[in-house]
């Protein structure tokens, strides 16, 4: 059985997400039986309360993240 494990890919609207194109090509080429994503697929900074109330928190929108998916 071929297993592909993807650890914390962190899709984000402000980062280069071309690695997902490369990952898709790799998956098509190798055809693993099972693909496991260990979590944190999307960063979702608009849903984080870590820096809520600070200037860095302003302007975050959940909608921008959905456009990546």
PDB file of N, CA and C in Angstrom:
ATOM      1  N   UNK A   1       0.839  -1.162   0.000  1.00  0.00           N
ATOM      2  CA  UNK A   1       0.000   0.000   0.000  1.00  0.00           C
ATOM      3  C   UNK A   1       0.897   1.243   0.000  1.00  0.00           C
ATOM      4  N   UNK A   2       0.587   2.184  -0.895  1.00  0.00           N
ATOM      5  CA  UNK A   2       1.333   3.443  -0.958  1.00  0.00           C
ATOM      6  C   UNK A   2       0.577   4.512  -0.181  1.00  0.00           C
ATOM      7  N   UNK A   3       1.294   5.160   0.717  1.00  0.00           N
ATOM      8  CA  UNK A   3       0.720   6.158   1.610  1.00  0.00           C
ATOM      9  C   UNK A   3       1.445   7.482   1.399  1.00  0.00           C
ATOM     10  N   UNK A   4       0.681   8.557   1.236  1.00  0.00           N
ATOM     11  CA  UNK A   4       1.255   9.896   1.135  1.00  0.00           C
ATOM     12  C   UNK A   4       0.768  10.691   2.336  1.00  0.00           C
ATOM     13  N   UNK A   5       1.702  11.213   3.110  1.00  0.00           N
ATOM     14  CA  UNK A   5       1.360  12.007   4.280  1.00  0.00           C
ATOM     15  C   UNK A   5       1.773  13.453   4.018  1.00  0.00           C
ATOM     16  N   UNK A   6       0.820  14.369   4.187  1.00  0.00           N
ATOM     17  CA  UNK A   6       1.059  15.786   3.983  1.00  0.00           C
ATOM     18  C   UNK A   6       0.955  16.460   5.351  1.00  0.00           C
ATOM     19  N   UNK A   7       2.017  17.091   5.782  1.00  0.00           N
ATOM     20  CA  UNK A   7       2.021  17.719   7.100  1.00  0.00           C
ATOM     21  C   UNK A   7       1.893  19.231   7.048  1.00  0.00           C
ATOM     22  N   UNK A   8       0.858  19.766   7.657  1.00  0.00           N
ATOM     23  CA  UNK A   8       0.654  21.211   7.822  1.00  0.00           C
ATOM     24  C   UNK A   8       0.945  22.047   6.568  1.00  0.00           C
ATOM     25  N   UNK A   9       0.174  21.902   5.511  1.00  0.00           N
ATOM     26  CA  UNK A   9       0.457  22.641   4.281  1.00  0.00           C
ATOM     27  C   UNK A   9       0.203  24.154   4.357  1.00  0.00           C
ATOM     28  N   UNK A  10      -0.681  24.609   5.210  1.00  0.00           N
ATOM     29  CA  UNK A  10      -0.937  26.043   5.450  1.00  0.00           C
ATOM     30  C   UNK A  10      -1.170  26.867   4.185  1.00  0.00           C
ATOM     31  N   UNK A  11      -2.298  26.661   3.519  1.00  0.00           N
ATOM     32  CA  UNK A  11      -2.686  27.535   2.408  1.00  0.00           C
ATOM     33  C   UNK A  11      -3.006  28.909   2.991  1.00  0.00           C
ATOM     34  N   UNK A  12      -2.579  29.967   2.310  1.00  0.00           N
ATOM     35  CA  UNK A  12      -2.774  31.328   2.816  1.00  0.00           C
ATOM     36  C   UNK A  12      -2.843  32.282   1.625  1.00  0.00           C
ATOM     37  N   UNK A  13      -3.771  33.237   1.647  1.00  0.00           N
ATOM     38  CA  UNK A  13      -3.920  34.133   0.492  1.00  0.00           C
ATOM     39  C   UNK A  13      -2.722  35.051   0.257  1.00  0.00           C
ATOM     40  N   UNK A  14      -1.887  35.272   1.248  1.00  0.00           N
ATOM     41  CA  UNK A  14      -0.744  36.169   1.092  1.00  0.00           C
ATOM     42  C   UNK A  14       0.559  35.453   0.758  1.00  0.00           C
ATOM     43  N   UNK A  15       0.544  34.125   0.663  1.00  0.00           N
ATOM     44  CA  UNK A  15       1.755  33.360   0.396  1.00  0.00           C
ATOM     45  C   UNK A  15       1.666  32.701  -0.979  1.00  0.00           C
ATOM     46  N   UNK A  16       2.820  32.323  -1.498  1.00  0.00           N
ATOM     47  CA  UNK A  16       2.866  31.592  -2.758  1.00  0.00           C
ATOM     48  C   UNK A  16       2.363  30.175  -2.498  1.00  0.00           C
ATOM     49  N   UNK A  17       1.270  29.828  -3.134  1.00  0.00           N
ATOM     50  CA  UNK A  17       0.676  28.505  -2.926  1.00  0.00           C
ATOM     51  C   UNK A  17       0.934  27.558  -4.104  1.00  0.00           C
ATOM     52  N   UNK A  18       1.951  27.848  -4.903  1.00  0.00           N
ATOM     53  CA  UNK A  18       2.281  27.008  -6.060  1.00  0.00           C
ATOM     54  C   UNK A  18       2.670  25.593  -5.653  1.00  0.00           C
ATOM     55  N   UNK A  19       3.053  25.426  -4.411  1.00  0.00           N
ATOM     56  CA  UNK A  19       3.438  24.087  -3.951  1.00  0.00           C
ATOM     57  C   UNK A  19       2.274  23.107  -4.061  1.00  0.00           C
ATOM     58  N   UNK A  20       1.047  23.627  -4.025  1.00  0.00           N
ATOM     59  CA  UNK A  20      -0.109  22.748  -4.149  1.00  0.00           C
ATOM     60  C   UNK A  20      -0.265  22.233  -5.583  1.00  0.00           C
ATOM     61  N   UNK A  21       0.146  23.023  -6.552  1.00  0.00           N
ATOM     62  CA  UNK A  21       0.160  22.553  -7.939  1.00  0.00           C
ATOM     63  C   UNK A  21       1.177  21.429  -8.078  1.00  0.00           C
ATOM     64  N   UNK A  22       2.352  21.634  -7.502  1.00  0.00           N
ATOM     65  CA  UNK A  22       3.391  20.593  -7.537  1.00  0.00           C
ATOM     66  C   UNK A  22       2.921  19.340  -6.805  1.00  0.00           C
ATOM     67  N   UNK A  23       2.259  19.527  -5.679  1.00  0.00           N
ATOM     68  CA  UNK A  23       1.741  18.387  -4.920  1.00  0.00           C
ATOM     69  C   UNK A  23       0.704  17.620  -5.737  1.00  0.00           C
ATOM     70  N   UNK A  24      -0.191  18.350  -6.400  1.00  0.00           N
ATOM     71  CA  UNK A  24      -1.203  17.695  -7.235  1.00  0.00           C
ATOM     72  C   UNK A  24      -0.576  16.875  -8.354  1.00  0.00           C
ATOM     73  N   UNK A  25       0.449  17.420  -8.991  1.00  0.00           N
ATOM     74  CA  UNK A  25       1.154  16.695 -10.056  1.00  0.00           C
ATOM     75  C   UNK A  25       1.833  15.444  -9.505  1.00  0.00           C
ATOM     76  N   UNK A  26       2.404  15.583  -8.307  1.00  0.00           N
ATOM     77  CA  UNK A  26       3.050  14.435  -7.672  1.00  0.00           C
ATOM     78  C   UNK A  26       2.029  13.339  -7.372  1.00  0.00           C
ATOM     79  N   UNK A  27       0.874  13.738  -6.877  1.00  0.00           N
ATOM     80  CA  UNK A  27      -0.184  12.772  -6.567  1.00  0.00           C
ATOM     81  C   UNK A  27      -0.648  12.064  -7.834  1.00  0.00           C
ATOM     82  N   UNK A  28      -0.836  12.816  -8.916  1.00  0.00           N
ATOM     83  CA  UNK A  28      -1.252  12.203 -10.188  1.00  0.00           C
ATOM     84  C   UNK A  28      -0.192  11.225 -10.712  1.00  0.00           C
ATOM     85  N   UNK A  29       1.065  11.575 -10.527  1.00  0.00           N
ATOM     86  CA  UNK A  29       2.161  10.729 -11.011  1.00  0.00           C
ATOM     87  C   UNK A  29       2.303   9.451 -10.183  1.00  0.00           C
ATOM     88  N   UNK A  30       2.249   9.575  -8.863  1.00  0.00           N
ATOM     89  CA  UNK A  30       2.526   8.432  -7.996  1.00  0.00           C
ATOM     90  C   UNK A  30       1.288   7.614  -7.629  1.00  0.00           C
ATOM     91  N   UNK A  31       0.102   8.228  -7.726  1.00  0.00           N
ATOM     92  CA  UNK A  31      -1.168   7.543  -7.432  1.00  0.00           C
ATOM     93  C   UNK A  31      -1.144   6.769  -6.107  1.00  0.00           C
ATOM     94  N   UNK A  32      -0.932   7.470  -4.994  1.00  0.00           N
ATOM     95  CA  UNK A  32      -0.920   6.760  -3.701  1.00  0.00           C
ATOM     96  C   UNK A  32      -2.297   6.171  -3.390  1.00  0.00           C
ATOM     97  N   UNK A  33      -2.310   5.086  -2.642  1.00  0.00           N
ATOM     98  CA  UNK A  33      -3.572   4.452  -2.253  1.00  0.00           C
ATOM     99  C   UNK A  33      -4.325   5.302  -1.230  1.00  0.00           C
ATOM    100  N   UNK A  34      -3.567   5.922  -0.340  1.00  0.00           N
ATOM    101  CA  UNK A  34      -4.163   6.721   0.726  1.00  0.00           C
ATOM    102  C   UNK A  34      -3.383   8.023   0.857  1.00  0.00           C
ATOM    103  N   UNK A  35      -4.115   9.137   1.010  1.00  0.00           N
ATOM    104  CA  UNK A  35      -3.510  10.438   1.259  1.00  0.00           C
ATOM    105  C   UNK A  35      -4.007  10.919   2.613  1.00  0.00           C
ATOM    106  N   UNK A  36      -3.060  11.272   3.481  1.00  0.00           N
ATOM    107  CA  UNK A  36      -3.410  11.752   4.821  1.00  0.00           C
ATOM    108  C   UNK A  36      -2.854  13.168   4.988  1.00  0.00           C
ATOM    109  N   UNK A  37      -3.736  14.116   5.288  1.00  0.00           N
ATOM    110  CA  UNK A  37      -3.314  15.477   5.603  1.00  0.00           C
ATOM    111  C   UNK A  37      -3.368  15.613   7.123  1.00  0.00           C
ATOM    112  N   UNK A  38      -2.234  15.940   7.729  1.00  0.00           N
ATOM    113  CA  UNK A  38      -2.149  15.969   9.181  1.00  0.00           C
ATOM    114  C   UNK A  38      -2.768  17.216   9.816  1.00  0.00           C
ATOM    115  N   UNK A  39      -3.337  18.077   9.022  1.00  0.00           N
ATOM    116  CA  UNK A  39      -4.045  19.222   9.590  1.00  0.00           C
ATOM    117  C   UNK A  39      -3.468  20.545   9.165  1.00  0.00           C
ATOM    118  N   UNK A  40      -4.113  21.589   9.624  1.00  0.00           N
ATOM    119  CA  UNK A  40      -3.724  22.960   9.314  1.00  0.00           C
ATOM    120  C   UNK A  40      -3.623  23.183   7.812  1.00  0.00           C
ATOM    121  N   UNK A  41      -4.617  22.713   7.081  1.00  0.00           N
ATOM    122  CA  UNK A  41      -4.595  22.906   5.627  1.00  0.00           C
ATOM    123  C   UNK A  41      -4.684  24.385   5.284  1.00  0.00           C
ATOM    124  N   UNK A  42      -5.558  25.095   5.974  1.00  0.00           N
ATOM    125  CA  UNK A  42      -5.718  26.526   5.721  1.00  0.00           C
ATOM    126  C   UNK A  42      -5.348  27.298   6.977  1.00  0.00           C
ATOM    127  N   UNK A  43      -4.595  28.370   6.811  1.00  0.00           N
ATOM    128  CA  UNK A  43      -4.168  29.183   7.943  1.00  0.00           C
ATOM    129  C   UNK A  43      -5.338  29.868   8.653  1.00  0.00           C
ATOM    130  N   UNK A  44      -6.300  30.372   7.910  1.00  0.00           N
ATOM    131  CA  UNK A  44      -7.497  31.029   8.442  1.00  0.00           C
ATOM    132  C   UNK A  44      -7.169  32.095   9.495  1.00  0.00           C
ATOM    133  N   UNK A  45      -6.307  33.056   9.184  1.00  0.00           N
ATOM    134  CA  UNK A  45      -5.931  34.064  10.172  1.00  0.00           C
ATOM    135  C   UNK A  45      -7.114  34.896  10.659  1.00  0.00           C
ATOM    136  N   UNK A  46      -8.147  35.009   9.852  1.00  0.00           N
ATOM    137  CA  UNK A  46      -9.303  35.806  10.273  1.00  0.00           C
ATOM    138  C   UNK A  46     -10.062  35.148  11.416  1.00  0.00           C
ATOM    139  N   UNK A  47      -9.864  33.852  11.619  1.00  0.00           N
ATOM    140  CA  UNK A  47     -10.552  33.158  12.700  1.00  0.00           C
ATOM    141  C   UNK A  47      -9.684  33.026  13.951  1.00  0.00           C
ATOM    142  N   UNK A  48      -8.450  33.472  13.869  1.00  0.00           N
ATOM    143  CA  UNK A  48      -7.549  33.389  15.013  1.00  0.00           C
ATOM    144  C   UNK A  48      -7.775  34.574  15.945  1.00  0.00           C
ATOM    145  N   UNK A  49      -7.732  34.314  17.232  1.00  0.00           N
ATOM    146  CA  UNK A  49      -7.883  35.400  18.203  1.00  0.00           C
ATOM    147  C   UNK A  49      -6.549  35.722  18.877  1.00  0.00           C
ATOM    148  N   UNK A  50      -5.468  35.159  18.363  1.00  0.00           N
ATOM    149  CA  UNK A  50      -4.151  35.349  18.973  1.00  0.00           C
ATOM    150  C   UNK A  50      -3.799  36.828  19.129  1.00  0.00           C
ATOM    151  N   UNK A  51      -3.958  37.613  18.069  1.00  0.00           N
ATOM    152  CA  UNK A  51      -3.596  39.029  18.145  1.00  0.00           C
ATOM    153  C   UNK A  51      -4.810  39.947  17.986  1.00  0.00           C
ATOM    154  N   UNK A  52      -5.968  39.461  18.383  1.00  0.00           N
ATOM    155  CA  UNK A  52      -7.199  40.246  18.291  1.00  0.00           C
ATOM    156  C   UNK A  52      -7.043  41.549  19.079  1.00  0.00           C
ATOM    157  N   UNK A  53      -7.519  42.631  18.483  1.00  0.00           N
ATOM    158  CA  UNK A  53      -7.424  43.938  19.127  1.00  0.00           C
ATOM    159  C   UNK A  53      -6.154  44.694  18.791  1.00  0.00           C
ATOM    160  N   UNK A  54      -5.273  44.085  18.012  1.00  0.00           N
ATOM    161  CA  UNK A  54      -4.043  44.764  17.611  1.00  0.00           C
ATOM    162  C   UNK A  54      -4.162  45.221  16.166  1.00  0.00           C
ATOM    163  N   UNK A  55      -3.273  46.092  15.767  1.00  0.00           N
ATOM    164  CA  UNK A  55      -3.276  46.601  14.395  1.00  0.00           C
ATOM    165  C   UNK A  55      -3.060  45.468  13.378  1.00  0.00           C
ATOM    166  N   UNK A  56      -2.262  44.479  13.739  1.00  0.00           N
ATOM    167  CA  UNK A  56      -1.983  43.351  12.849  1.00  0.00           C
ATOM    168  C   UNK A  56      -3.209  42.509  12.543  1.00  0.00           C
ATOM    169  N   UNK A  57      -4.229  42.600  13.386  1.00  0.00           N
ATOM    170  CA  UNK A  57      -5.447  41.804  13.199  1.00  0.00           C
ATOM    171  C   UNK A  57      -6.384  42.434  12.166  1.00  0.00           C
ATOM    172  N   UNK A  58      -6.261  43.725  11.938  1.00  0.00           N
ATOM    173  CA  UNK A  58      -7.177  44.446  11.055  1.00  0.00           C
ATOM    174  C   UNK A  58      -7.065  43.981   9.603  1.00  0.00           C
ATOM    175  N   UNK A  59      -8.183  43.955   8.918  1.00  0.00           N
ATOM    176  CA  UNK A  59      -8.221  43.656   7.493  1.00  0.00           C
ATOM    177  C   UNK A  59      -8.293  42.182   7.138  1.00  0.00           C
ATOM    178  N   UNK A  60      -8.342  41.330   8.106  1.00  0.00           N
ATOM    179  CA  UNK A  60      -8.430  39.895   7.816  1.00  0.00           C
ATOM    180  C   UNK A  60      -9.864  39.534   7.455  1.00  0.00           C
ATOM    181  N   UNK A  61      -9.998  38.709   6.468  1.00  0.00           N
ATOM    182  CA  UNK A  61     -11.328  38.300   6.044  1.00  0.00           C
ATOM    183  C   UNK A  61     -11.334  36.823   5.708  1.00  0.00           C
ATOM    184  N   UNK A  62     -12.290  36.125   6.269  1.00  0.00           N
ATOM    185  CA  UNK A  62     -12.487  34.694   6.011  1.00  0.00           C
ATOM    186  C   UNK A  62     -12.739  34.461   4.530  1.00  0.00           C
ATOM    187  N   UNK A  63     -13.471  35.362   3.896  1.00  0.00           N
ATOM    188  CA  UNK A  63     -13.842  35.240   2.487  1.00  0.00           C
ATOM    189  C   UNK A  63     -12.598  35.129   1.586  1.00  0.00           C
ATOM    190  N   UNK A  64     -11.539  35.872   1.885  1.00  0.00           N
ATOM    191  CA  UNK A  64     -10.309  35.795   1.078  1.00  0.00           C
ATOM    192  C   UNK A  64      -9.720  34.393   1.107  1.00  0.00           C
ATOM    193  N   UNK A  65      -9.791  33.735   2.256  1.00  0.00           N
ATOM    194  CA  UNK A  65      -9.243  32.390   2.389  1.00  0.00           C
ATOM    195  C   UNK A  65     -10.054  31.406   1.559  1.00  0.00           C
ATOM    196  N   UNK A  66     -11.357  31.563   1.550  1.00  0.00           N
ATOM    197  CA  UNK A  66     -12.208  30.640   0.797  1.00  0.00           C
ATOM    198  C   UNK A  66     -11.922  30.696  -0.701  1.00  0.00           C
ATOM    199  N   UNK A  67     -11.452  31.826  -1.178  1.00  0.00           N
ATOM    200  CA  UNK A  67     -11.142  31.969  -2.601  1.00  0.00           C
ATOM    201  C   UNK A  67      -9.983  31.066  -3.012  1.00  0.00           C
ATOM    202  N   UNK A  68      -9.138  30.665  -2.063  1.00  0.00           N
ATOM    203  CA  UNK A  68      -8.024  29.769  -2.373  1.00  0.00           C
ATOM    204  C   UNK A  68      -8.467  28.331  -2.556  1.00  0.00           C
ATOM    205  N   UNK A  69      -9.508  27.958  -1.831  1.00  0.00           N
ATOM    206  CA  UNK A  69      -9.895  26.548  -1.799  1.00  0.00           C
ATOM    207  C   UNK A  69     -10.678  26.109  -3.002  1.00  0.00           C
TER     208      UNK A  69
END
